[in-house]
Amino acid sequence: MLDETSQELINFLELIADIRSKSNFDFSDSPIKIHKVGPKFIRLAEFRPNDDGILEARTCYCFVERATGDIYKGSWKAPVKNGRRGHISSIKGMGVYGPDYLR
C-alpha cells in the first residue's frame, strides 16, 4: 500500500517534475505535491503561491490509488468513475497539466 514515503510515489513525482520542466511554460513556482492521503486514494495537487507568497493547493493534478498505484483523472473532490489513465511506474499518458484525456 502506497503512502507519502513510498519510493515509487517519490519517483513518480520526480518524473512529473521532469515533464513540466521540459515544457514551454515555467512551472518552477507551482510544484506538484501530495495534498491529501485518504483511505483509498492519494490526491496530488498543483501548489501555487497566494498573495502572501505562501504555497497553497490550487488544482488537482491526479489521484493515485493506494492499493494498486493506478493513476486516475479527477475533480478536486474525487477521482472520475472512468478515470484510470495509467500506473505510477510509467509516465505514459501524463501531461503537463495532468493525465491525458481518453481518446
Protein backbone atom coordinates (compact mmCIF):
# COMPACT_ATOMS: atom_id res chain seq x y z
CA MET A 1 0.00 0.00 0.00
CA LEU A 2 1.35 3.39 -1.03
CA ASP A 3 1.85 6.27 1.36
CA GLU A 4 3.63 9.63 1.17
CA THR A 5 7.02 8.00 1.87
CA SER A 6 6.80 5.27 -0.81
CA GLN A 7 9.78 5.36 -3.15
CA GLU A 8 7.53 4.59 -6.14
CA LEU A 9 5.43 7.68 -5.44
CA ILE A 10 8.50 9.85 -4.89
CA ASN A 11 9.94 8.66 -8.23
CA PHE A 12 6.62 9.42 -9.95
CA LEU A 13 6.63 12.97 -8.55
CA GLU A 14 10.18 13.42 -9.89
CA LEU A 15 9.06 12.22 -13.35
CA ILE A 16 6.17 14.71 -13.31
CA ALA A 17 8.60 17.50 -12.40
CA ASP A 18 10.78 16.45 -15.33
CA ILE A 19 7.83 16.57 -17.79
CA ARG A 20 6.86 20.02 -16.56
CA SER A 21 10.45 21.34 -16.72
CA LYS A 22 10.69 20.39 -20.41
CA SER A 23 7.56 22.33 -21.38
CA ASN A 24 7.46 25.86 -22.78
CA PHE A 25 5.99 27.23 -19.56
CA ASP A 26 7.76 27.98 -16.31
CA PHE A 27 6.30 25.79 -13.57
CA SER A 28 9.08 26.43 -11.05
CA ASP A 29 6.72 28.30 -8.72
CA SER A 30 3.89 25.73 -8.93
CA PRO A 31 5.17 22.26 -7.98
CA ILE A 32 3.07 19.09 -7.82
CA LYS A 33 2.97 17.71 -4.28
CA ILE A 34 0.99 15.29 -2.17
CA HIS A 35 -2.05 17.17 -0.89
CA LYS A 36 -4.10 14.54 0.91
CA VAL A 37 -3.70 10.87 1.75
CA GLY A 38 -7.07 9.18 2.11
CA PRO A 39 -8.01 5.57 2.80
CA LYS A 40 -8.20 4.67 -0.93
CA PHE A 41 -6.51 7.47 -2.87
CA ILE A 42 -3.67 9.97 -2.65
CA ARG A 43 -4.50 13.38 -4.15
CA LEU A 44 -1.65 15.11 -5.97
CA ALA A 45 -2.24 18.82 -6.37
CA GLU A 46 -0.55 21.75 -8.03
CA PHE A 47 0.53 24.30 -5.45
CA ARG A 48 0.74 27.98 -6.33
CA PRO A 49 1.77 30.98 -4.26
CA ASN A 50 -1.04 33.11 -2.84
CA ASP A 51 -0.87 36.89 -2.40
CA ASP A 52 1.40 36.47 0.63
CA GLY A 53 3.77 34.16 -1.26
CA ILE A 54 2.70 31.05 0.64
CA LEU A 55 2.17 27.92 -1.45
CA GLU A 56 -1.44 26.69 -1.49
CA ALA A 57 -3.06 23.72 -3.23
CA ARG A 58 -4.96 25.19 -6.17
CA THR A 59 -5.79 22.45 -8.67
CA CYS A 60 -5.95 18.66 -8.58
CA TYR A 61 -3.27 17.10 -10.78
CA CYS A 62 -4.37 13.47 -10.38
CA PHE A 63 -5.27 10.76 -7.90
CA VAL A 64 -3.15 7.68 -7.17
CA GLU A 65 -4.88 4.55 -5.89
CA ARG A 66 -3.04 3.44 -2.77
CA ALA A 67 -3.61 -0.31 -3.24
CA THR A 68 -2.51 -0.60 -6.88
CA GLY A 69 -0.61 2.57 -7.86
CA ASP A 70 -3.05 3.28 -10.69
CA ILE A 71 -3.38 6.92 -11.80
CA TYR A 72 -6.84 8.50 -12.10
CA LYS A 73 -8.03 11.77 -13.57
CA GLY A 74 -10.32 13.57 -11.18
CA SER A 75 -12.05 16.64 -9.91
CA TRP A 76 -10.98 18.31 -6.68
CA LYS A 77 -13.16 16.02 -4.57
CA ALA A 78 -12.76 12.57 -6.08
CA PRO A 79 -11.40 10.55 -8.99
CA VAL A 80 -13.58 10.27 -12.09
CA LYS A 81 -15.51 7.00 -12.36
CA ASN A 82 -13.99 6.15 -15.78
CA GLY A 83 -10.76 7.96 -14.99
CA ARG A 84 -7.97 5.34 -14.92
CA ARG A 85 -5.11 6.69 -17.04
CA GLY A 86 -2.06 4.60 -16.21
CA HIS A 87 0.27 3.46 -13.44
CA ILE A 88 2.90 5.32 -11.41
CA SER A 89 5.64 3.09 -12.83
CA SER A 90 5.24 4.83 -16.21
CA ILE A 91 4.62 8.43 -17.22
CA LYS A 92 2.92 7.36 -20.43
CA GLY A 93 -0.32 9.30 -20.70
CA MET A 94 0.76 12.06 -18.33
CA GLY A 95 0.86 15.66 -19.48
CA VAL A 96 1.93 19.00 -18.12
CA TYR A 97 -1.48 19.64 -16.56
CA GLY A 98 -2.36 16.08 -15.51
CA PRO A 99 -3.40 12.77 -17.07
CA ASP A 100 -4.33 12.91 -20.73
CA TYR A 101 -7.94 12.53 -21.87
CA LEU A 102 -9.07 9.16 -23.21
CA ARG A 103 -9.34 9.13 -27.00
